[in-house]
Structure formats: structure tokens, C-alpha cells
Amino acid sequence: MKLINKYANSKYSKMNEYYCGITTELDKLAGLDPNGHWKHYVLCDYEDGCLPIRIPGGTLGSIEYDEDSVITKIHVCTDYVVKTYPDDVNEQLQKFVGQKIEMGE
């Protein structure tokens, strides 16, 4: 799974906000407009084993990974900020467990 800088090639690129397959999936599951500006993203502090999952307005989950950058756990809170997730959102995200996180462009 590649992390793509939300602000690539701009003065904001050092904010460490990234899109990835998980954020795209969460946008779809929440019913967000794919062309809108209100989207999920992760904060990439690629050293502590956990990437916070955010949306403008709050942190609502995390992606945990091991020393090999392989995803070990994903969880989002379904009663904070985004109220439109399906009941099984966390189960649907488990397909990403076991994927290796890679830095993209």
C-alpha cells in the first residue's frame, strides 16, 4: 500500500498528510464525494508504529504496523466526526492487514 503525499510538490508537502488505499476506501464507505475536499488522510510519522487516520475535524482511528512496515491492525471509531460508515466498516478494513506500507510520490 503506497502513501501518496496529499500536498506533493507544494509548500505544504512537509505537513506529512497522505492518502492511501485505506483512506480511499474510507471515503467510499462514508459516502464522501470523491471530488470533494473533505477526505480521509493519514498523518505519517513513520517511526512510531502507528499512523493516525484523520479527517478535517478530528482523528478517528489508526493504522498500526510492525518493524517491517507491514500493517498489523486497523481501527476507526464509528461514533466520532463521521456518522455515515456502515456498521461493518472495521471488518471491511481488515483486507488491508498484512500489506506493506511504502512511501509513494
N, C-alpha and C. Protein backbone atom coordinates (compact mmCIF):
# COMPACT_ATOMS: atom_id res chain seq x y z
N MET A 1 0.84 -1.16 0.00
CA MET A 1 0.00 0.00 0.00
C MET A 1 0.89 1.24 0.00
N LYS A 2 0.73 2.06 -1.01
CA LYS A 2 1.55 3.27 -1.12
C LYS A 2 0.89 4.47 -0.45
N LEU A 3 1.71 5.24 0.24
CA LEU A 3 1.28 6.51 0.82
C LEU A 3 1.65 7.60 -0.17
N ILE A 4 0.66 8.40 -0.56
CA ILE A 4 0.86 9.48 -1.52
C ILE A 4 0.65 10.81 -0.81
N ASN A 5 1.65 11.67 -0.87
CA ASN A 5 1.58 12.96 -0.19
C ASN A 5 0.41 13.78 -0.70
N LYS A 6 -0.43 14.20 0.21
CA LYS A 6 -1.63 14.99 -0.11
C LYS A 6 -1.26 16.31 -0.79
N TYR A 7 -0.12 16.85 -0.44
CA TYR A 7 0.31 18.14 -0.97
C TYR A 7 1.62 18.03 -1.73
N ALA A 8 1.78 16.97 -2.50
CA ALA A 8 3.03 16.75 -3.24
C ALA A 8 3.38 17.98 -4.08
N ASN A 9 4.65 18.30 -4.10
CA ASN A 9 5.17 19.40 -4.91
C ASN A 9 4.57 20.77 -4.54
N SER A 10 4.27 20.94 -3.27
CA SER A 10 3.79 22.26 -2.83
C SER A 10 4.49 22.62 -1.52
N LYS A 11 4.29 23.84 -1.09
CA LYS A 11 4.92 24.29 0.15
C LYS A 11 4.35 23.58 1.38
N TYR A 12 3.24 22.86 1.22
CA TYR A 12 2.61 22.14 2.32
C TYR A 12 3.01 20.68 2.41
N SER A 13 3.89 20.24 1.54
CA SER A 13 4.25 18.82 1.49
C SER A 13 4.86 18.31 2.79
N LYS A 14 5.45 19.17 3.58
CA LYS A 14 6.07 18.75 4.84
C LYS A 14 5.07 18.61 5.98
N MET A 15 3.78 18.78 5.69
CA MET A 15 2.75 18.58 6.71
C MET A 15 2.55 17.09 7.00
N ASN A 16 3.13 16.24 6.15
CA ASN A 16 3.09 14.78 6.32
C ASN A 16 1.67 14.22 6.32
N GLU A 17 0.81 14.77 5.47
CA GLU A 17 -0.55 14.25 5.30
C GLU A 17 -0.58 13.44 4.01
N TYR A 18 -1.07 12.20 4.11
CA TYR A 18 -1.00 11.27 2.98
C TYR A 18 -2.33 10.59 2.72
N TYR A 19 -2.55 10.28 1.45
CA TYR A 19 -3.66 9.43 1.01
C TYR A 19 -3.11 8.04 0.77
N CYS A 20 -3.98 7.03 0.84
CA CYS A 20 -3.60 5.66 0.53
C CYS A 20 -4.86 4.87 0.23
N GLY A 21 -4.70 3.58 -0.02
CA GLY A 21 -5.86 2.73 -0.31
C GLY A 21 -6.87 2.71 0.82
N ILE A 22 -6.39 2.77 2.04
CA ILE A 22 -7.30 2.76 3.20
C ILE A 22 -8.12 4.04 3.25
N THR A 23 -7.49 5.19 3.00
CA THR A 23 -8.23 6.45 3.04
C THR A 23 -9.25 6.52 1.91
N THR A 24 -8.89 6.01 0.75
CA THR A 24 -9.83 5.97 -0.37
C THR A 24 -11.02 5.08 -0.04
N GLU A 25 -10.74 3.93 0.56
CA GLU A 25 -11.81 3.01 0.96
C GLU A 25 -12.72 3.65 2.01
N LEU A 26 -12.14 4.33 2.97
CA LEU A 26 -12.95 5.01 3.99
C LEU A 26 -13.82 6.10 3.39
N ASP A 27 -13.28 6.85 2.41
CA ASP A 27 -14.09 7.87 1.73
C ASP A 27 -15.31 7.23 1.07
N LYS A 28 -15.08 6.11 0.39
CA LYS A 28 -16.18 5.40 -0.28
C LYS A 28 -17.20 4.89 0.73
N LEU A 29 -16.70 4.23 1.78
CA LEU A 29 -17.60 3.66 2.78
C LEU A 29 -18.43 4.73 3.48
N ALA A 30 -17.86 5.91 3.66
CA ALA A 30 -18.57 7.01 4.33
C ALA A 30 -19.49 7.77 3.37
N GLY A 31 -19.37 7.48 2.07
CA GLY A 31 -20.20 8.16 1.09
C GLY A 31 -19.75 9.57 0.79
N LEU A 32 -18.44 9.84 0.92
CA LEU A 32 -17.92 11.18 0.64
C LEU A 32 -17.74 11.39 -0.86
N ASP A 33 -17.91 12.60 -1.29
CA ASP A 33 -17.72 12.97 -2.70
C ASP A 33 -16.25 12.78 -3.07
N PRO A 34 -15.95 11.90 -4.05
CA PRO A 34 -14.55 11.67 -4.42
C PRO A 34 -13.86 12.90 -4.99
N ASN A 35 -14.62 13.89 -5.44
CA ASN A 35 -14.05 15.12 -5.96
C ASN A 35 -14.07 16.26 -4.95
N GLY A 36 -14.56 15.97 -3.75
CA GLY A 36 -14.64 16.99 -2.72
C GLY A 36 -13.32 17.19 -2.00
N HIS A 37 -13.29 18.17 -1.13
CA HIS A 37 -12.09 18.47 -0.37
C HIS A 37 -12.08 17.82 1.01
N TRP A 38 -13.22 17.32 1.45
CA TRP A 38 -13.33 16.70 2.77
C TRP A 38 -13.08 15.22 2.60
N LYS A 39 -11.84 14.77 2.88
CA LYS A 39 -11.44 13.38 2.68
C LYS A 39 -10.62 12.89 3.86
N HIS A 40 -10.58 11.56 4.00
CA HIS A 40 -9.72 10.94 5.00
C HIS A 40 -8.26 11.06 4.56
N TYR A 41 -7.36 11.10 5.53
CA TYR A 41 -5.92 11.07 5.25
C TYR A 41 -5.22 10.49 6.47
N VAL A 42 -3.96 10.13 6.31
CA VAL A 42 -3.18 9.67 7.46
C VAL A 42 -2.04 10.65 7.70
N LEU A 43 -1.68 10.81 8.96
CA LEU A 43 -0.51 11.58 9.32
C LEU A 43 0.66 10.61 9.36
N CYS A 44 1.69 10.91 8.65
CA CYS A 44 2.80 9.98 8.52
C CYS A 44 3.96 10.37 9.41
N ASP A 45 3.98 9.77 10.59
CA ASP A 45 5.14 9.84 11.47
C ASP A 45 5.67 8.41 11.42
N TYR A 46 6.45 8.14 10.42
CA TYR A 46 6.78 6.79 10.00
C TYR A 46 7.76 6.09 10.94
N GLU A 47 7.79 6.48 12.22
CA GLU A 47 8.75 5.89 13.14
C GLU A 47 8.12 5.26 14.37
N ASP A 48 6.89 5.52 14.66
CA ASP A 48 6.34 5.05 15.94
C ASP A 48 5.41 3.84 15.84
N GLY A 49 5.25 3.26 14.66
CA GLY A 49 4.42 2.07 14.52
C GLY A 49 2.94 2.32 14.42
N CYS A 50 2.55 3.59 14.29
CA CYS A 50 1.13 3.92 14.22
C CYS A 50 0.91 5.16 13.36
N LEU A 51 0.02 5.05 12.40
CA LEU A 51 -0.35 6.19 11.56
C LEU A 51 -1.76 6.62 11.95
N PRO A 52 -1.95 7.81 12.46
CA PRO A 52 -3.30 8.28 12.79
C PRO A 52 -4.13 8.48 11.52
N ILE A 53 -5.37 8.01 11.55
CA ILE A 53 -6.32 8.25 10.47
C ILE A 53 -7.12 9.48 10.85
N ARG A 54 -7.15 10.47 9.95
CA ARG A 54 -7.80 11.74 10.25
C ARG A 54 -8.78 12.12 9.15
N ILE A 55 -9.61 13.04 9.49
CA ILE A 55 -10.48 13.75 8.57
C ILE A 55 -10.52 15.18 9.11
N PRO A 56 -10.70 16.18 8.29
CA PRO A 56 -10.77 17.52 8.86
C PRO A 56 -11.78 17.54 10.02
N GLY A 57 -11.31 17.90 11.18
CA GLY A 57 -12.17 17.94 12.35
C GLY A 57 -11.77 16.96 13.43
N GLY A 58 -10.93 15.98 13.10
CA GLY A 58 -10.53 15.06 14.16
C GLY A 58 -9.79 13.83 13.71
N THR A 59 -9.16 13.19 14.68
CA THR A 59 -8.51 11.90 14.48
C THR A 59 -9.53 10.84 14.84
N LEU A 60 -9.77 9.89 13.95
CA LEU A 60 -10.82 8.92 14.20
C LEU A 60 -10.37 7.48 14.16
N GLY A 61 -9.08 7.24 14.02
CA GLY A 61 -8.61 5.86 14.03
C GLY A 61 -7.12 5.77 13.83
N SER A 62 -6.65 4.53 13.60
CA SER A 62 -5.22 4.33 13.42
C SER A 62 -4.92 3.11 12.57
N ILE A 63 -3.73 3.16 11.97
CA ILE A 63 -3.17 2.03 11.24
C ILE A 63 -1.90 1.66 12.00
N GLU A 64 -1.85 0.47 12.56
CA GLU A 64 -0.65 0.03 13.27
C GLU A 64 0.16 -0.87 12.34
N TYR A 65 1.49 -0.78 12.47
CA TYR A 65 2.37 -1.58 11.62
C TYR A 65 3.59 -2.03 12.41
N ASP A 66 4.23 -3.09 11.91
CA ASP A 66 5.38 -3.66 12.61
C ASP A 66 6.70 -3.08 12.10
N GLU A 67 7.80 -3.63 12.56
CA GLU A 67 9.13 -3.13 12.20
C GLU A 67 9.45 -3.30 10.72
N ASP A 68 8.70 -4.15 10.02
CA ASP A 68 8.89 -4.32 8.58
C ASP A 68 7.91 -3.49 7.77
N SER A 69 7.19 -2.59 8.42
CA SER A 69 6.19 -1.71 7.80
C SER A 69 4.99 -2.48 7.26
N VAL A 70 4.69 -3.62 7.87
CA VAL A 70 3.53 -4.42 7.48
C VAL A 70 2.38 -4.07 8.43
N ILE A 71 1.22 -3.81 7.86
CA ILE A 71 0.04 -3.43 8.65
C ILE A 71 -0.39 -4.60 9.52
N THR A 72 -0.53 -4.34 10.83
CA THR A 72 -0.94 -5.37 11.77
C THR A 72 -2.35 -5.15 12.33
N LYS A 73 -2.82 -3.90 12.29
CA LYS A 73 -4.14 -3.60 12.86
C LYS A 73 -4.65 -2.28 12.28
N ILE A 74 -5.95 -2.24 12.04
CA ILE A 74 -6.62 -1.01 11.58
C ILE A 74 -7.92 -0.88 12.38
N HIS A 75 -8.18 0.33 12.84
CA HIS A 75 -9.44 0.55 13.55
C HIS A 75 -9.88 2.00 13.38
N VAL A 76 -11.18 2.20 13.14
CA VAL A 76 -11.75 3.55 13.14
C VAL A 76 -12.90 3.60 14.13
N CYS A 77 -13.07 4.75 14.74
CA CYS A 77 -14.17 4.99 15.66
C CYS A 77 -15.38 5.39 14.83
N THR A 78 -16.48 4.69 15.03
CA THR A 78 -17.66 4.92 14.19
C THR A 78 -18.64 5.92 14.79
N ASP A 79 -18.33 6.47 15.94
CA ASP A 79 -19.26 7.43 16.54
C ASP A 79 -18.62 8.79 16.79
N TYR A 80 -17.59 9.10 15.98
CA TYR A 80 -16.89 10.38 16.15
C TYR A 80 -16.68 11.01 14.78
N VAL A 81 -17.07 12.20 14.58
CA VAL A 81 -16.94 13.01 13.36
C VAL A 81 -17.76 12.43 12.20
N VAL A 82 -17.37 11.27 11.67
CA VAL A 82 -18.08 10.67 10.54
C VAL A 82 -19.16 9.73 11.07
N LYS A 83 -20.39 10.02 10.72
CA LYS A 83 -21.52 9.22 11.21
C LYS A 83 -22.13 8.33 10.12
N THR A 84 -21.50 8.29 8.94
CA THR A 84 -22.11 7.60 7.81
C THR A 84 -21.42 6.29 7.44
N TYR A 85 -20.50 5.79 8.28
CA TYR A 85 -19.88 4.50 7.99
C TYR A 85 -20.91 3.38 8.11
N PRO A 86 -20.75 2.32 7.32
CA PRO A 86 -21.60 1.15 7.54
C PRO A 86 -21.21 0.49 8.87
N ASP A 87 -22.11 -0.30 9.43
CA ASP A 87 -21.85 -0.94 10.72
C ASP A 87 -20.60 -1.82 10.71
N ASP A 88 -20.26 -2.39 9.55
CA ASP A 88 -19.13 -3.32 9.47
C ASP A 88 -17.86 -2.68 8.90
N VAL A 89 -17.72 -1.37 9.04
CA VAL A 89 -16.57 -0.67 8.46
C VAL A 89 -15.24 -1.26 8.93
N ASN A 90 -15.11 -1.56 10.21
CA ASN A 90 -13.85 -2.09 10.71
C ASN A 90 -13.56 -3.48 10.15
N GLU A 91 -14.59 -4.28 9.96
CA GLU A 91 -14.40 -5.59 9.35
C GLU A 91 -13.95 -5.45 7.90
N GLN A 92 -14.54 -4.50 7.17
CA GLN A 92 -14.17 -4.29 5.77
C GLN A 92 -12.72 -3.83 5.62
N LEU A 93 -12.20 -3.12 6.60
CA LEU A 93 -10.83 -2.62 6.52
C LEU A 93 -9.78 -3.71 6.76
N GLN A 94 -10.20 -4.84 7.29
CA GLN A 94 -9.23 -5.89 7.61
C GLN A 94 -8.54 -6.46 6.38
N LYS A 95 -9.07 -6.22 5.19
CA LYS A 95 -8.42 -6.71 3.98
C LYS A 95 -7.05 -6.05 3.76
N PHE A 96 -6.79 -4.94 4.44
CA PHE A 96 -5.51 -4.26 4.31
C PHE A 96 -4.45 -4.79 5.29
N VAL A 97 -4.87 -5.53 6.31
CA VAL A 97 -3.92 -6.11 7.26
C VAL A 97 -3.02 -7.09 6.50
N GLY A 98 -1.73 -6.97 6.74
CA GLY A 98 -0.75 -7.82 6.06
C GLY A 98 -0.07 -7.14 4.88
N GLN A 99 -0.62 -6.00 4.45
CA GLN A 99 0.01 -5.27 3.35
C GLN A 99 1.17 -4.44 3.89
N LYS A 100 2.18 -4.28 3.06
CA LYS A 100 3.35 -3.48 3.42
C LYS A 100 3.11 -2.02 3.04
N ILE A 101 3.46 -1.11 3.95
CA ILE A 101 3.34 0.32 3.71
C ILE A 101 4.59 0.80 2.99
N GLU A 102 4.40 1.53 1.91
CA GLU A 102 5.50 2.08 1.14
C GLU A 102 5.26 3.55 0.89
N MET A 103 6.32 4.32 0.89
CA MET A 103 6.21 5.74 0.57
C MET A 103 6.10 5.89 -0.94
N GLY A 104 5.10 6.65 -1.38
CA GLY A 104 4.93 6.92 -2.80
C GLY A 104 5.52 8.26 -3.16
N GLU A 105 4.98 8.83 -4.19
CA GLU A 105 5.46 10.13 -4.68
C GLU A 105 4.93 11.26 -3.86
